[in-house]
Structure formats: C-alpha cells, structure tokens
Protein backbone atom coordinates (compact mmCIF):
# COMPACT_ATOMS: atom_id res chain seq x y z
CA MET A 1 7.15 -16.06 -15.06
CA VAL A 2 7.49 -13.26 -12.53
CA ASN A 3 10.11 -13.52 -9.81
CA LEU A 4 8.41 -13.64 -6.40
CA ASP A 5 11.48 -12.22 -4.65
CA GLU A 6 11.34 -9.20 -6.93
CA LEU A 7 7.62 -8.74 -6.30
CA TYR A 8 8.17 -8.90 -2.53
CA ARG A 9 10.98 -6.31 -2.84
CA ASN A 10 8.64 -4.11 -4.90
CA LEU A 11 5.94 -4.49 -2.24
CA GLU A 12 8.35 -3.51 0.53
CA GLY A 13 9.60 -0.55 -1.51
CA LYS A 14 6.05 0.63 -2.13
CA GLU A 15 5.30 0.43 1.59
CA GLN A 16 8.39 2.54 2.27
CA GLU A 17 7.19 5.11 -0.29
CA ILE A 18 3.81 5.21 1.45
CA ALA A 19 5.55 5.74 4.81
CA VAL A 20 7.58 8.67 3.44
CA VAL A 21 4.52 10.38 1.94
CA TYR A 22 2.42 9.70 5.05
CA ALA A 23 5.15 11.01 7.36
CA SER A 24 5.40 14.18 5.31
CA ALA A 25 1.62 14.59 5.24
CA THR A 26 1.53 14.32 9.04
CA GLY A 27 4.37 16.81 9.54
CA ARG A 28 7.15 14.32 10.26
CA ASN A 29 10.53 13.97 8.60
CA ILE A 30 11.11 10.25 8.29
CA THR A 31 14.90 10.61 8.37
CA ASN A 32 14.78 12.33 11.78
CA LEU A 33 12.51 9.85 13.55
CA SER A 34 13.68 7.88 16.56
CA GLU A 35 13.30 4.12 16.53
CA GLY A 36 10.10 4.38 18.59
CA GLU A 37 8.66 7.09 16.33
CA ARG A 38 9.51 5.05 13.25
CA PHE A 39 7.80 2.01 14.79
CA ARG A 40 4.65 4.10 15.46
CA LEU A 41 4.77 5.48 11.92
CA GLU A 42 5.03 1.96 10.47
CA ALA A 43 2.06 0.88 12.61
CA GLU A 44 0.01 3.86 11.39
CA VAL A 45 0.92 3.12 7.77
CA GLY A 46 0.04 -0.55 8.29
CA GLU A 47 -3.38 0.46 9.61
CA LEU A 48 -3.88 2.85 6.69
CA ILE A 49 -3.02 0.12 4.18
CA GLU A 50 -5.23 -2.40 5.97
CA GLU A 51 -8.20 0.00 5.96
CA ALA A 52 -7.72 0.69 2.26
CA GLU A 53 -7.41 -3.03 1.47
CA GLU A 54 -10.58 -3.80 3.44
CA ALA A 55 -12.42 -1.04 1.62
CA LEU A 56 -11.25 -2.39 -1.74
CA ILE A 57 -12.38 -5.91 -0.80
CA ASP A 58 -15.74 -4.73 0.59
CA ASP A 59 -16.67 -2.87 -2.59
CA GLU A 60 -17.88 -5.78 -4.67
CA MET A 61 -19.77 -3.95 -7.41
CA VAL A 62 -17.75 -2.78 -10.41
CA GLU A 63 -19.08 0.78 -10.12
CA GLU A 64 -18.06 0.94 -6.46
CA TRP A 65 -14.58 -0.34 -7.29
CA ARG A 66 -14.21 2.25 -10.02
CA ALA A 67 -15.41 5.07 -7.74
CA ARG A 68 -13.06 3.96 -4.96
CA ASP A 69 -10.12 3.74 -7.38
CA GLU A 70 -10.86 7.24 -8.67
CA ARG A 71 -11.04 8.66 -5.13
CA LEU A 72 -7.82 6.94 -4.07
CA ALA A 73 -6.02 7.92 -7.27
CA ALA A 74 -6.77 11.57 -6.53
CA THR A 75 -4.24 11.61 -3.65
CA PRO A 76 -0.52 10.75 -3.56
CA ILE A 77 -0.99 8.22 -0.75
CA GLY A 78 -4.01 6.76 -2.52
CA ARG A 79 -2.05 6.26 -5.73
CA LEU A 80 0.72 4.50 -3.82
CA ILE A 81 -1.79 2.30 -2.01
CA LEU A 82 -3.37 1.33 -5.34
CA GLU A 83 0.09 0.53 -6.76
CA ARG A 84 0.82 -1.56 -3.66
CA HIS A 85 -2.49 -3.36 -4.10
CA GLU A 86 -1.57 -4.19 -7.71
CA ILE A 87 1.78 -5.63 -6.60
CA GLU A 88 0.04 -7.68 -3.92
CA GLU A 89 -2.41 -9.02 -6.53
CA LYS A 90 0.54 -10.06 -8.73
CA ILE A 91 2.07 -11.90 -5.79
CA LEU A 92 -1.19 -13.72 -5.10
CA ASP A 93 -1.55 -14.61 -8.80
CA GLU A 94 2.01 -15.93 -8.90
CA LEU A 95 1.50 -18.00 -5.76
CA GLU A 96 -1.71 -19.41 -7.21
CA ASP A 97 0.06 -20.29 -10.47
CA GLN A 98 2.73 -22.17 -8.53
CA ASN A 99 0.18 -24.39 -6.81
C-alpha cells in the first residue's frame, strides 16, 4: 500500500520542479523573486498544469493520448507535467482503494 502523505509530498515536489523550470524558461531566477513575483509564478504554473490536465482529459482516443504524451515528453516542462500527472493518478487510485 502506498503512503498518501508521501504521494502528496511527491506531487508538491514535482510542482516545485515545474516552477523552477518554468521560471528559467521565462527568464526568471526563482531564488530572486519577491513574494508577489513568486505568487504570480505559482499562479502561472497552476494555469499551465491545469491546461495540460484538461488537454490530457479531453483526448479520449488512445492515439490522441499517445500523440499528446509524445509532444509533452519532448520538452522538460512537459516531462515534469507528465510525471506530475502520474503521481496524481496514483493518489486518485489510492483514494479509490481506501473507499
């Protein structure tokens, strides 16, 4: 049985990794951001993740899923988003198993 606390920590860590890569890709150094800038960055990353999740959910055909995965996997942020998605799926599976 997988530990939910560990999965949630992994999810949070993956989101932090995405934020670092995204900040770098947009010309920002995450360690030098003010609180307001960090808040905006987190909001942008949240939107990016949400858009990717919606796209993954909307692609119902296996071929479309595979094509989307290949496109996402071709970029560092895309790979991290896919890894985050996998962690989120594990959390959902674990929650379902508990009920």
